[in-house]
Amino acid sequence: MNAAAHLDALSRARPADLPALLASLSLVAPLLDAIPGVVFFVKDLDARYVLVNLTLAQRCGYEDVSELLGKTAEEVFPAPLGGAYAEQDRRVLREGLALDDQLELHLYAGRTPGWCLTRKLPLHDAQGQLMGMAGISHDLQAPAADHPAHAKVAEVDRYLREHYAQPLSVGELSQRVGLSVSQLERQCKRILRLTPQQLLHKARLDAASRLLARDLPVTEVALACGYTDHSAFSRQFRRLTGLSPRQYRDSLKPRSRLEETPA
């Protein structure tokens, strides 16, 4: 069973309480640590980590998973990113609704931007009461252009990365690689876990994240990335990062040594 299947199973489980759930997960914890490019976690009703895999701990600057337990996203990630992640957690816990396949831009080690696809699900006890939440994030990698099954999706990905500033449609992309729109959508979801439209947003915001590291006006960045409407760019950027373009730019600024040390 992969990490995504574990997450789905957790959402259907009805243990007596959160400690009982954590005890049942102790046997599979080593498997979750061994999955490359995947972050897995469980949080309590206060959005504090009560179970994490090694990948998440190491990305947050910890050598052992125990050092991350009991902390919230605000205590672990740099501001303002931590606040945005924490608000996302509180929304899942407050509303009891799942967050499915959320395309997100994160800052990895060395403040390098990277993309992941995130799912967060509420957890309920045997009485149906909300007791916490679980989540998983998959790193997104480019398709292998030399793999026969990936060739057409790789071509779409390459074309988007080179022409993101142009007005593009899914129909145009499907014609370029000789697929129907539905075939292209299925292939993209199967290989990259993204729709063609999400790939376009990713290509544009990849470029935006690079340009925001420079001293360009946000309006100029929006135009350079294919957005004719500055507010539409800001809304899309906030939806995928939890931050406004200006907040993201501020998050890239060097911090003091003390600030770089995890809380």
Protein backbone atom coordinates (compact mmCIF):
# COMPACT_ATOMS: atom_id res chain seq x y z
CA MET A 1 0.00 0.00 0.00
CA ASN A 2 1.45 3.39 -0.99
CA ALA A 3 1.30 6.61 1.03
CA ALA A 4 -1.77 7.91 -0.79
CA ALA A 5 -3.62 4.66 -0.08
CA HIS A 6 -2.67 4.94 3.59
CA LEU A 7 -4.14 8.44 3.66
CA ASP A 8 -7.42 7.26 2.14
CA ALA A 9 -7.55 4.35 4.61
CA LEU A 10 -7.00 6.75 7.51
CA SER A 11 -9.89 8.94 6.42
CA ARG A 12 -12.21 5.91 6.47
CA ALA A 13 -10.93 4.46 9.73
CA ARG A 14 -12.89 5.04 12.93
CA PRO A 15 -10.48 4.36 15.83
CA ALA A 16 -11.40 5.00 19.46
CA ASP A 17 -9.26 8.12 19.55
CA LEU A 18 -6.14 9.74 18.08
CA PRO A 19 -3.65 7.80 20.29
CA ALA A 20 -5.24 4.55 19.12
CA LEU A 21 -4.80 5.63 15.51
CA LEU A 22 -1.16 6.55 16.09
CA ALA A 23 -0.52 3.16 17.72
CA SER A 24 -1.95 1.42 14.66
CA LEU A 25 0.36 3.44 12.39
CA SER A 26 3.54 2.55 14.28
CA LEU A 27 4.06 -0.59 12.20
CA VAL A 28 3.97 1.26 8.86
CA ALA A 29 6.00 4.31 9.99
CA PRO A 30 9.29 2.84 8.64
CA LEU A 31 7.63 2.34 5.25
CA LEU A 32 6.51 5.97 5.17
CA ASP A 33 10.07 7.06 5.96
CA ALA A 34 11.40 5.08 3.00
CA ILE A 35 9.19 6.64 0.30
CA PRO A 36 11.25 9.23 -1.64
CA GLY A 37 9.75 12.58 -2.51
CA VAL A 38 6.70 12.11 -0.28
CA VAL A 39 5.81 13.99 2.90
CA PHE A 40 3.32 12.35 5.30
CA PHE A 41 1.91 13.72 8.56
CA VAL A 42 -0.89 13.54 11.11
CA LYS A 43 -1.97 16.52 13.25
CA ASP A 44 -4.22 16.91 16.28
CA LEU A 45 -7.13 19.33 16.69
CA ASP A 46 -4.69 22.15 17.48
CA ALA A 47 -2.90 21.50 14.16
CA ARG A 48 0.20 20.19 15.98
CA TYR A 49 2.25 17.43 14.39
CA VAL A 50 1.71 14.11 16.19
CA LEU A 51 3.21 11.90 13.47
CA VAL A 52 5.55 12.81 10.62
CA ASN A 53 7.77 10.87 8.27
CA LEU A 54 11.52 11.41 8.04
CA THR A 55 11.27 13.31 4.74
CA LEU A 56 9.26 16.10 6.37
CA ALA A 57 11.51 16.28 9.42
CA GLN A 58 14.65 16.56 7.30
CA ARG A 59 13.15 19.25 5.06
CA CYS A 60 12.34 21.28 8.16
CA GLY A 61 15.95 21.02 9.35
CA TYR A 62 15.53 18.27 11.95
CA GLU A 63 17.57 15.08 12.19
CA ASP A 64 14.89 13.10 14.00
CA VAL A 65 11.10 13.04 13.61
CA SER A 66 10.61 13.45 17.37
CA GLU A 67 11.99 17.01 17.17
CA LEU A 68 9.04 18.04 14.99
CA LEU A 69 6.28 16.56 17.17
CA GLY A 70 4.10 19.00 19.08
CA LYS A 71 4.92 21.90 16.76
CA THR A 72 2.59 23.73 14.37
CA ALA A 73 3.41 24.83 10.83
CA GLU A 74 3.88 28.39 12.12
CA GLU A 75 6.64 27.17 14.44
CA VAL A 76 8.37 25.12 11.76
CA PHE A 77 8.23 27.08 8.51
CA PRO A 78 9.49 30.65 7.96
CA ALA A 79 7.01 33.51 8.01
CA PRO A 80 4.83 34.20 6.13
CA LEU A 81 4.77 30.65 4.68
CA GLY A 82 4.18 29.04 8.06
CA GLY A 83 1.13 31.21 8.71
CA ALA A 84 -0.36 30.31 5.33
CA TYR A 85 0.13 26.57 5.91
CA ALA A 86 -1.34 26.85 9.42
CA GLU A 87 -4.42 28.66 8.13
CA GLN A 88 -4.92 25.89 5.58
CA ASP A 89 -4.76 23.35 8.43
CA ARG A 90 -7.24 25.32 10.52
CA ARG A 91 -9.67 25.46 7.59
CA VAL A 92 -9.60 21.67 7.21
CA LEU A 93 -10.10 21.24 10.97
CA ARG A 94 -12.73 23.97 11.27
CA GLU A 95 -14.85 22.88 8.30
CA GLY A 96 -14.09 19.16 8.35
CA LEU A 97 -13.60 19.21 4.58
CA ALA A 98 -10.84 17.60 2.55
CA LEU A 99 -8.26 19.50 0.53
CA ASP A 100 -7.70 17.43 -2.61
CA ASP A 101 -4.77 17.63 -5.03
CA GLN A 102 -3.78 21.18 -4.16
CA LEU A 103 -0.90 22.32 -6.39
CA GLU A 104 1.48 24.26 -4.15
CA LEU A 105 4.79 26.06 -4.44
CA HIS A 106 7.06 25.43 -1.43
CA LEU A 107 10.52 26.55 -0.37
CA TYR A 108 12.82 23.57 0.11
CA ALA A 109 16.33 23.37 1.57
CA GLY A 110 18.40 26.44 0.75
CA ARG A 111 15.15 28.36 0.06
CA THR A 112 14.89 26.68 -3.37
CA PRO A 113 11.33 26.76 -4.78
CA GLY A 114 9.75 23.40 -5.54
CA TRP A 115 6.31 22.14 -6.49
CA CYS A 116 4.22 19.52 -4.76
CA LEU A 117 0.68 18.18 -4.89
CA THR A 118 -0.94 18.17 -1.45
CA ARG A 119 -3.94 16.37 0.04
CA LYS A 120 -5.29 16.95 3.55
CA LEU A 121 -8.14 14.94 5.05
CA PRO A 122 -10.06 15.26 8.34
CA LEU A 123 -9.91 12.30 10.74
CA HIS A 124 -12.89 11.10 12.82
CA ASP A 125 -13.16 8.81 15.83
CA ALA A 126 -15.56 5.91 16.42
CA GLN A 127 -18.32 8.37 17.40
CA GLY A 128 -17.86 10.38 14.23
CA GLN A 129 -16.22 13.29 16.06
CA LEU A 130 -13.38 15.18 14.41
CA MET A 131 -10.10 14.26 16.13
CA GLY A 132 -7.43 15.63 13.80
CA MET A 133 -6.20 15.56 10.24
CA ALA A 134 -3.74 13.75 8.01
CA GLY A 135 -1.91 14.94 4.94
CA ILE A 136 0.44 13.93 2.16
CA SER A 137 2.51 15.92 -0.34
CA HIS A 138 4.09 14.47 -3.48
CA ASP A 139 7.03 16.22 -5.09
CA LEU A 140 6.36 16.91 -8.76
CA GLN A 141 9.08 16.00 -11.23
CA ALA A 142 9.30 16.61 -14.96
CA PRO A 143 8.31 13.61 -17.12
CA ALA A 144 11.09 11.58 -18.67
CA ALA A 145 11.21 12.60 -22.34
CA ASP A 146 12.96 9.34 -23.33
CA HIS A 147 10.22 7.16 -21.82
CA PRO A 148 7.72 6.11 -24.52
CA ALA A 149 4.69 6.51 -22.25
CA HIS A 150 5.84 9.96 -21.19
CA ALA A 151 6.91 11.41 -24.53
CA LYS A 152 3.71 13.30 -25.37
CA VAL A 153 3.27 14.67 -21.86
CA ALA A 154 6.95 15.66 -21.82
CA GLU A 155 6.41 17.59 -25.06
CA VAL A 156 3.41 19.42 -23.56
CA ASP A 157 5.41 20.21 -20.41
CA ARG A 158 8.35 21.50 -22.50
CA TYR A 159 6.08 23.62 -24.72
CA LEU A 160 4.35 25.20 -21.72
CA ARG A 161 7.67 26.04 -20.05
CA GLU A 162 8.83 27.75 -23.25
CA HIS A 163 5.56 29.51 -24.20
CA TYR A 164 3.88 30.22 -20.85
CA ALA A 165 3.59 33.93 -21.67
CA GLN A 166 1.31 33.23 -24.65
CA PRO A 167 -2.46 32.65 -24.53
CA LEU A 168 -2.80 28.86 -24.63
CA SER A 169 -5.71 26.41 -24.59
CA VAL A 170 -5.89 22.72 -23.76
CA GLY A 171 -7.27 22.12 -27.25
CA GLU A 172 -4.18 23.66 -28.83
CA LEU A 173 -1.90 21.59 -26.63
CA SER A 174 -3.70 18.36 -27.45
CA GLN A 175 -3.44 19.06 -31.19
CA ARG A 176 0.32 19.63 -30.89
CA VAL A 177 0.87 16.09 -29.57
CA GLY A 178 -1.85 14.30 -31.59
CA LEU A 179 -4.19 13.50 -28.72
CA SER A 180 -7.78 14.38 -27.98
CA VAL A 181 -8.41 16.74 -25.09
CA SER A 182 -9.69 13.88 -22.90
CA GLN A 183 -6.67 11.69 -23.78
CA LEU A 184 -4.26 14.48 -22.88
CA GLU A 185 -6.02 15.13 -19.60
CA ARG A 186 -5.88 11.44 -18.67
CA GLN A 187 -2.18 11.16 -19.59
CA CYS A 188 -1.24 14.28 -17.62
CA LYS A 189 -3.15 13.09 -14.56
CA ARG A 190 -1.63 9.61 -14.78
CA ILE A 191 1.97 10.72 -15.23
CA LEU A 192 2.18 14.08 -13.47
CA ARG A 193 -0.94 14.00 -11.25
CA LEU A 194 -1.89 17.35 -12.80
CA THR A 195 -4.43 18.54 -15.34
CA PRO A 196 -3.11 20.42 -18.41
CA GLN A 197 -4.53 23.63 -16.91
CA GLN A 198 -2.61 23.03 -13.68
CA LEU A 199 0.54 22.45 -15.76
CA LEU A 200 0.03 25.85 -17.38
CA HIS A 201 -0.42 27.55 -13.99
CA LYS A 202 2.70 25.75 -12.77
CA ALA A 203 4.77 26.90 -15.77
CA ARG A 204 3.63 30.51 -15.33
CA LEU A 205 4.21 30.59 -11.59
CA ASP A 206 7.58 28.85 -11.96
CA ALA A 207 8.58 31.81 -14.10
CA ALA A 208 6.95 34.25 -11.67
CA SER A 209 8.88 32.82 -8.72
CA ARG A 210 12.15 33.38 -10.60
CA LEU A 211 11.22 36.93 -11.63
CA LEU A 212 10.06 37.84 -8.12
CA ALA A 213 13.58 37.07 -6.90
CA ARG A 214 14.64 40.10 -8.96
CA ASP A 215 13.69 43.73 -8.41
CA LEU A 216 10.92 43.89 -11.03
CA PRO A 217 7.51 45.49 -10.33
CA VAL A 218 4.82 42.86 -9.65
CA THR A 219 2.74 44.23 -12.55
CA GLU A 220 5.66 43.63 -14.92
CA VAL A 221 6.11 40.10 -13.57
CA ALA A 222 2.41 39.38 -14.19
CA LEU A 223 2.61 40.54 -17.82
CA ALA A 224 5.81 38.59 -18.44
CA CYS A 225 4.13 35.42 -17.22
CA GLY A 226 1.06 35.60 -19.46
CA TYR A 227 -1.38 37.36 -17.14
CA THR A 228 -3.06 40.41 -18.65
CA ASP A 229 -4.77 41.17 -15.35
CA HIS A 230 -2.51 41.95 -12.36
CA SER A 231 -5.25 41.05 -9.86
CA ALA A 232 -5.85 37.66 -11.55
CA PHE A 233 -2.12 36.95 -11.26
CA SER A 234 -2.10 37.88 -7.56
CA ARG A 235 -5.16 35.73 -6.85
CA GLN A 236 -3.70 32.72 -8.65
CA PHE A 237 -0.33 33.18 -6.98
CA ARG A 238 -1.93 33.37 -3.52
CA ARG A 239 -4.09 30.33 -4.22
CA LEU A 240 -1.06 28.18 -5.05
CA THR A 241 1.40 29.54 -2.48
CA GLY A 242 -0.77 30.98 0.29
CA LEU A 243 1.10 34.26 -0.17
CA SER A 244 0.75 37.40 -2.22
CA PRO A 245 3.56 37.99 -4.77
CA ARG A 246 5.05 40.65 -2.50
CA GLN A 247 4.95 38.35 0.53
CA TYR A 248 6.64 35.63 -1.48
CA ARG A 249 9.35 38.08 -2.53
CA ASP A 250 9.89 39.02 1.12
CA SER A 251 10.17 35.34 2.07
CA LEU A 252 13.15 34.99 -0.32
CA LYS A 253 15.16 37.65 1.49
CA PRO A 254 18.11 36.31 3.53
CA ARG A 255 17.37 35.84 7.20
CA SER A 256 19.68 35.99 10.17
CA ARG A 257 21.35 32.81 11.42
CA LEU A 258 19.03 32.79 14.42
CA GLU A 259 15.97 32.94 12.17
CA GLU A 260 17.29 30.06 10.03
CA THR A 261 17.33 27.76 13.07
CA PRO A 262 14.05 25.79 13.39
CA ALA A 263 12.01 26.60 16.50
